[in-house]
Amino acid sequence: MTDENVIDFIKQLREGNIHELCVKKEDFLFFRSILTKQEDFKHFRGVAQRGGDIIFQYMTEPRS
């Protein structure tokens, strides 16, 4: 996973082109380091799955 890939996935989630994104356990820290730099970071929700993978979704309302 590269910076460009992560930014592209984030953009697709934000624009509604994809409804959710599964990030593998081994890619999570890298993905999160880029995600937390986004202005609308609070709009992304990550749900941990069994085995350590995380499913990210974009919400219209920011989380608190």
PDB file of N, CA and C in Angstrom:
ATOM      1  N   MET A   1       0.857  -1.173   0.000  1.00  0.00           N
ATOM      2  CA  MET A   1       0.000   0.000   0.000  1.00  0.00           C
ATOM      3  C   MET A   1       0.907   1.242   0.000  1.00  0.00           C
ATOM      4  N   THR A   2       0.602   2.175  -0.904  1.00  0.00           N
ATOM      5  CA  THR A   2       1.402   3.400  -1.017  1.00  0.00           C
ATOM      6  C   THR A   2       0.567   4.599  -0.585  1.00  0.00           C
ATOM      7  N   ASP A   3       1.241   5.743  -0.410  1.00  0.00           N
ATOM      8  CA  ASP A   3       0.540   6.977  -0.051  1.00  0.00           C
ATOM      9  C   ASP A   3      -0.563   7.289  -1.055  1.00  0.00           C
ATOM     10  N   GLU A   4      -0.240   7.136  -2.346  1.00  0.00           N
ATOM     11  CA  GLU A   4      -1.210   7.447  -3.396  1.00  0.00           C
ATOM     12  C   GLU A   4      -2.423   6.525  -3.329  1.00  0.00           C
ATOM     13  N   ASN A   5      -2.184   5.250  -3.043  1.00  0.00           N
ATOM     14  CA  ASN A   5      -3.292   4.291  -2.911  1.00  0.00           C
ATOM     15  C   ASN A   5      -4.223   4.691  -1.776  1.00  0.00           C
ATOM     16  N   VAL A   6      -3.627   5.009  -0.636  1.00  0.00           N
ATOM     17  CA  VAL A   6      -4.420   5.367   0.537  1.00  0.00           C
ATOM     18  C   VAL A   6      -5.240   6.624   0.264  1.00  0.00           C
ATOM     19  N   ILE A   7      -4.605   7.632  -0.308  1.00  0.00           N
ATOM     20  CA  ILE A   7      -5.315   8.879  -0.609  1.00  0.00           C
ATOM     21  C   ILE A   7      -6.444   8.635  -1.602  1.00  0.00           C
ATOM     22  N   ASP A   8      -6.206   7.768  -2.579  1.00  0.00           N
ATOM     23  CA  ASP A   8      -7.247   7.434  -3.555  1.00  0.00           C
ATOM     24  C   ASP A   8      -8.411   6.710  -2.885  1.00  0.00           C
ATOM     25  N   PHE A   9      -8.125   5.756  -2.003  1.00  0.00           N
ATOM     26  CA  PHE A   9      -9.187   5.043  -1.287  1.00  0.00           C
ATOM     27  C   PHE A   9      -9.994   5.993  -0.406  1.00  0.00           C
ATOM     28  N   ILE A  10      -9.303   6.901   0.276  1.00  0.00           N
ATOM     29  CA  ILE A  10      -9.980   7.880   1.125  1.00  0.00           C
ATOM     30  C   ILE A  10     -10.900   8.761   0.282  1.00  0.00           C
ATOM     31  N   LYS A  11     -10.407   9.189  -0.861  1.00  0.00           N
ATOM     32  CA  LYS A  11     -11.210  10.024  -1.768  1.00  0.00           C
ATOM     33  C   LYS A  11     -12.444   9.277  -2.264  1.00  0.00           C
ATOM     34  N   GLN A  12     -12.277   8.004  -2.608  1.00  0.00           N
ATOM     35  CA  GLN A  12     -13.414   7.205  -3.068  1.00  0.00           C
ATOM     36  C   GLN A  12     -14.470   7.047  -1.976  1.00  0.00           C
ATOM     37  N   LEU A  13     -14.034   6.829  -0.735  1.00  0.00           N
ATOM     38  CA  LEU A  13     -14.975   6.738   0.387  1.00  0.00           C
ATOM     39  C   LEU A  13     -15.703   8.059   0.587  1.00  0.00           C
ATOM     40  N   ARG A  14     -14.951   9.131   0.568  1.00  0.00           N
ATOM     41  CA  ARG A  14     -15.491  10.470   0.795  1.00  0.00           C
ATOM     42  C   ARG A  14     -16.547  10.825  -0.257  1.00  0.00           C
ATOM     43  N   GLU A  15     -16.281  10.490  -1.508  1.00  0.00           N
ATOM     44  CA  GLU A  15     -17.182  10.832  -2.612  1.00  0.00           C
ATOM     45  C   GLU A  15     -18.320   9.843  -2.777  1.00  0.00           C
ATOM     46  N   GLY A  16     -18.301   8.742  -2.035  1.00  0.00           N
ATOM     47  CA  GLY A  16     -19.373   7.765  -2.109  1.00  0.00           C
ATOM     48  C   GLY A  16     -19.229   6.773  -3.245  1.00  0.00           C
ATOM     49  N   ASN A  17     -18.068   6.738  -3.892  1.00  0.00           N
ATOM     50  CA  ASN A  17     -17.844   5.772  -4.966  1.00  0.00           C
ATOM     51  C   ASN A  17     -17.766   4.352  -4.432  1.00  0.00           C
ATOM     52  N   ILE A  18     -17.280   4.211  -3.200  1.00  0.00           N
ATOM     53  CA  ILE A  18     -17.302   2.933  -2.505  1.00  0.00           C
ATOM     54  C   ILE A  18     -17.950   3.169  -1.142  1.00  0.00           C
ATOM     55  N   HIS A  19     -18.640   2.165  -0.618  1.00  0.00           N
ATOM     56  CA  HIS A  19     -19.363   2.332   0.641  1.00  0.00           C
ATOM     57  C   HIS A  19     -18.522   1.958   1.859  1.00  0.00           C
ATOM     58  N   GLU A  20     -17.561   1.056   1.644  1.00  0.00           N
ATOM     59  CA  GLU A  20     -16.684   0.672   2.740  1.00  0.00           C
ATOM     60  C   GLU A  20     -15.364   0.165   2.179  1.00  0.00           C
ATOM     61  N   LEU A  21     -14.366   0.192   3.033  1.00  0.00           N
ATOM     62  CA  LEU A  21     -13.024  -0.224   2.642  1.00  0.00           C
ATOM     63  C   LEU A  21     -12.466  -1.123   3.732  1.00  0.00           C
ATOM     64  N   CYS A  22     -12.001  -2.294   3.350  1.00  0.00           N
ATOM     65  CA  CYS A  22     -11.399  -3.220   4.305  1.00  0.00           C
ATOM     66  C   CYS A  22      -9.884  -3.011   4.281  1.00  0.00           C
ATOM     67  N   VAL A  23      -9.325  -2.656   5.434  1.00  0.00           N
ATOM     68  CA  VAL A  23      -7.885  -2.446   5.576  1.00  0.00           C
ATOM     69  C   VAL A  23      -7.329  -3.626   6.370  1.00  0.00           C
ATOM     70  N   LYS A  24      -6.339  -4.275   5.808  1.00  0.00           N
ATOM     71  CA  LYS A  24      -5.724  -5.428   6.461  1.00  0.00           C
ATOM     72  C   LYS A  24      -4.964  -4.998   7.718  1.00  0.00           C
ATOM     73  N   LYS A  25      -4.879  -5.892   8.646  1.00  0.00           N
ATOM     74  CA  LYS A  25      -4.217  -5.633   9.928  1.00  0.00           C
ATOM     75  C   LYS A  25      -2.811  -5.074   9.740  1.00  0.00           C
ATOM     76  N   GLU A  26      -2.057  -5.641   8.805  1.00  0.00           N
ATOM     77  CA  GLU A  26      -0.672  -5.216   8.616  1.00  0.00           C
ATOM     78  C   GLU A  26      -0.555  -3.835   7.952  1.00  0.00           C
ATOM     79  N   ASP A  27      -1.626  -3.350   7.312  1.00  0.00           N
ATOM     80  CA  ASP A  27      -1.616  -2.034   6.670  1.00  0.00           C
ATOM     81  C   ASP A  27      -2.265  -0.946   7.523  1.00  0.00           C
ATOM     82  N   PHE A  28      -2.849  -1.320   8.650  1.00  0.00           N
ATOM     83  CA  PHE A  28      -3.638  -0.374   9.437  1.00  0.00           C
ATOM     84  C   PHE A  28      -2.855   0.854   9.904  1.00  0.00           C
ATOM     85  N   LEU A  29      -1.699   0.669  10.504  1.00  0.00           N
ATOM     86  CA  LEU A  29      -0.955   1.808  11.051  1.00  0.00           C
ATOM     87  C   LEU A  29      -0.547   2.791   9.959  1.00  0.00           C
ATOM     88  N   PHE A  30      -0.152   2.280   8.803  1.00  0.00           N
ATOM     89  CA  PHE A  30       0.205   3.145   7.686  1.00  0.00           C
ATOM     90  C   PHE A  30      -1.027   3.897   7.184  1.00  0.00           C
ATOM     91  N   PHE A  31      -2.143   3.175   7.012  1.00  0.00           N
ATOM     92  CA  PHE A  31      -3.387   3.788   6.550  1.00  0.00           C
ATOM     93  C   PHE A  31      -3.840   4.864   7.534  1.00  0.00           C
ATOM     94  N   ARG A  32      -3.810   4.561   8.802  1.00  0.00           N
ATOM     95  CA  ARG A  32      -4.260   5.498   9.834  1.00  0.00           C
ATOM     96  C   ARG A  32      -3.390   6.746   9.885  1.00  0.00           C
ATOM     97  N   SER A  33      -2.092   6.601   9.654  1.00  0.00           N
ATOM     98  CA  SER A  33      -1.201   7.762   9.692  1.00  0.00           C
ATOM     99  C   SER A  33      -1.581   8.787   8.626  1.00  0.00           C
ATOM    100  N   ILE A  34      -2.097   8.343   7.510  1.00  0.00           N
ATOM    101  CA  ILE A  34      -2.536   9.257   6.457  1.00  0.00           C
ATOM    102  C   ILE A  34      -3.962   9.733   6.725  1.00  0.00           C
ATOM    103  N   LEU A  35      -4.810   8.844   7.199  1.00  0.00           N
ATOM    104  CA  LEU A  35      -6.211   9.193   7.470  1.00  0.00           C
ATOM    105  C   LEU A  35      -6.320  10.289   8.527  1.00  0.00           C
ATOM    106  N   THR A  36      -5.514  10.230   9.569  1.00  0.00           N
ATOM    107  CA  THR A  36      -5.618  11.210  10.653  1.00  0.00           C
ATOM    108  C   THR A  36      -5.209  12.618  10.223  1.00  0.00           C
ATOM    109  N   LYS A  37      -4.537  12.747   9.102  1.00  0.00           N
ATOM    110  CA  LYS A  37      -4.134  14.059   8.588  1.00  0.00           C
ATOM    111  C   LYS A  37      -5.233  14.730   7.764  1.00  0.00           C
ATOM    112  N   GLN A  38      -6.331  14.014   7.506  1.00  0.00           N
ATOM    113  CA  GLN A  38      -7.426  14.554   6.708  1.00  0.00           C
ATOM    114  C   GLN A  38      -8.270  15.506   7.539  1.00  0.00           C
ATOM    115  N   GLU A  39      -8.733  16.589   6.916  1.00  0.00           N
ATOM    116  CA  GLU A  39      -9.559  17.564   7.624  1.00  0.00           C
ATOM    117  C   GLU A  39     -10.865  16.963   8.126  1.00  0.00           C
ATOM    118  N   ASP A  40     -11.414  16.022   7.371  1.00  0.00           N
ATOM    119  CA  ASP A  40     -12.687  15.403   7.743  1.00  0.00           C
ATOM    120  C   ASP A  40     -12.485  14.040   8.413  1.00  0.00           C
ATOM    121  N   PHE A  41     -11.385  13.909   9.143  1.00  0.00           N
ATOM    122  CA  PHE A  41     -11.038  12.658   9.816  1.00  0.00           C
ATOM    123  C   PHE A  41     -12.182  12.102  10.662  1.00  0.00           C
ATOM    124  N   LYS A  42     -12.916  12.965  11.326  1.00  0.00           N
ATOM    125  CA  LYS A  42     -13.990  12.525  12.231  1.00  0.00           C
ATOM    126  C   LYS A  42     -15.181  11.926  11.480  1.00  0.00           C
ATOM    127  N   HIS A  43     -15.204  12.052  10.162  1.00  0.00           N
ATOM    128  CA  HIS A  43     -16.293  11.477   9.374  1.00  0.00           C
ATOM    129  C   HIS A  43     -16.044  10.004   9.042  1.00  0.00           C
ATOM    130  N   PHE A  44     -14.845   9.532   9.282  1.00  0.00           N
ATOM    131  CA  PHE A  44     -14.508   8.149   8.983  1.00  0.00           C
ATOM    132  C   PHE A  44     -14.711   7.288  10.225  1.00  0.00           C
ATOM    133  N   ARG A  45     -15.322   6.146  10.013  1.00  0.00           N
ATOM    134  CA  ARG A  45     -15.548   5.219  11.121  1.00  0.00           C
ATOM    135  C   ARG A  45     -14.888   3.895  10.776  1.00  0.00           C
ATOM    136  N   GLY A  46     -14.089   3.388  11.689  1.00  0.00           N
ATOM    137  CA  GLY A  46     -13.442   2.098  11.515  1.00  0.00           C
ATOM    138  C   GLY A  46     -14.021   1.088  12.479  1.00  0.00           C
ATOM    139  N   VAL A  47     -14.381  -0.066  11.949  1.00  0.00           N
ATOM    140  CA  VAL A  47     -14.945  -1.142  12.765  1.00  0.00           C
ATOM    141  C   VAL A  47     -14.008  -2.343  12.673  1.00  0.00           C
ATOM    142  N   ALA A  48     -13.454  -2.719  13.819  1.00  0.00           N
ATOM    143  CA  ALA A  48     -12.519  -3.842  13.862  1.00  0.00           C
ATOM    144  C   ALA A  48     -13.252  -5.154  13.628  1.00  0.00           C
ATOM    145  N   GLN A  49     -12.607  -6.016  12.890  1.00  0.00           N
ATOM    146  CA  GLN A  49     -13.153  -7.335  12.591  1.00  0.00           C
ATOM    147  C   GLN A  49     -12.328  -8.395  13.309  1.00  0.00           C
ATOM    148  N   ARG A  50     -12.878  -9.555  13.419  1.00  0.00           N
ATOM    149  CA  ARG A  50     -12.135 -10.665  14.011  1.00  0.00           C
ATOM    150  C   ARG A  50     -10.914 -10.937  13.135  1.00  0.00           C
ATOM    151  N   GLY A  51      -9.764 -11.042  13.733  1.00  0.00           N
ATOM    152  CA  GLY A  51      -8.533 -11.277  12.996  1.00  0.00           C
ATOM    153  C   GLY A  51      -7.709 -10.016  12.810  1.00  0.00           C
ATOM    154  N   GLY A  52      -8.277  -8.852  13.144  1.00  0.00           N
ATOM    155  CA  GLY A  52      -7.517  -7.621  13.119  1.00  0.00           C
ATOM    156  C   GLY A  52      -7.742  -6.704  11.940  1.00  0.00           C
ATOM    157  N   ASP A  53      -8.498  -7.136  10.926  1.00  0.00           N
ATOM    158  CA  ASP A  53      -8.797  -6.249   9.805  1.00  0.00           C
ATOM    159  C   ASP A  53      -9.808  -5.193  10.255  1.00  0.00           C
ATOM    160  N   ILE A  54      -9.830  -4.055   9.566  1.00  0.00           N
ATOM    161  CA  ILE A  54     -10.724  -2.964   9.926  1.00  0.00           C
ATOM    162  C   ILE A  54     -11.520  -2.557   8.703  1.00  0.00           C
ATOM    163  N   ILE A  55     -12.823  -2.361   8.869  1.00  0.00           N
ATOM    164  CA  ILE A  55     -13.679  -1.886   7.791  1.00  0.00           C
ATOM    165  C   ILE A  55     -13.971  -0.416   8.056  1.00  0.00           C
ATOM    166  N   PHE A  56     -13.592   0.432   7.105  1.00  0.00           N
ATOM    167  CA  PHE A  56     -13.814   1.868   7.219  1.00  0.00           C
ATOM    168  C   PHE A  56     -15.012   2.278   6.375  1.00  0.00           C
ATOM    169  N   GLN A  57     -15.797   3.194   6.931  1.00  0.00           N
ATOM    170  CA  GLN A  57     -16.947   3.780   6.248  1.00  0.00           C
ATOM    171  C   GLN A  57     -16.886   5.280   6.425  1.00  0.00           C
ATOM    172  N   TYR A  58     -17.539   6.015   5.507  1.00  0.00           N
ATOM    173  CA  TYR A  58     -17.597   7.464   5.603  1.00  0.00           C
ATOM    174  C   TYR A  58     -19.000   7.853   6.041  1.00  0.00           C
ATOM    175  N   MET A  59     -19.083   8.666   7.081  1.00  0.00           N
ATOM    176  CA  MET A  59     -20.375   9.087   7.613  1.00  0.00           C
ATOM    177  C   MET A  59     -20.600  10.562   7.285  1.00  0.00           C
ATOM    178  N   THR A  60     -21.850  10.938   7.034  1.00  0.00           N
ATOM    179  CA  THR A  60     -22.152  12.339   6.738  1.00  0.00           C
ATOM    180  C   THR A  60     -22.033  13.198   7.989  1.00  0.00           C
ATOM    181  N   GLU A  61     -22.334  12.643   9.140  1.00  0.00           N
ATOM    182  CA  GLU A  61     -22.214  13.350  10.419  1.00  0.00           C
ATOM    183  C   GLU A  61     -20.887  12.946  11.083  1.00  0.00           C
ATOM    184  N   PRO A  62     -20.098  13.902  11.533  1.00  0.00           N
ATOM    185  CA  PRO A  62     -18.844  13.539  12.203  1.00  0.00           C
ATOM    186  C   PRO A  62     -19.114  12.891  13.557  1.00  0.00           C
ATOM    187  N   ARG A  63     -18.255  11.994  13.934  1.00  0.00           N
ATOM    188  CA  ARG A  63     -18.380  11.384  15.269  1.00  0.00           C
ATOM    189  C   ARG A  63     -17.864  12.371  16.295  1.00  0.00           C
ATOM    190  N   SER A  64     -18.257  12.187  17.516  1.00  0.00           N
ATOM    191  CA  SER A  64     -17.856  13.145  18.558  1.00  0.00           C
ATOM    192  C   SER A  64     -16.497  12.840  19.125  1.00  0.00           C
TER     193      SER A  64
END
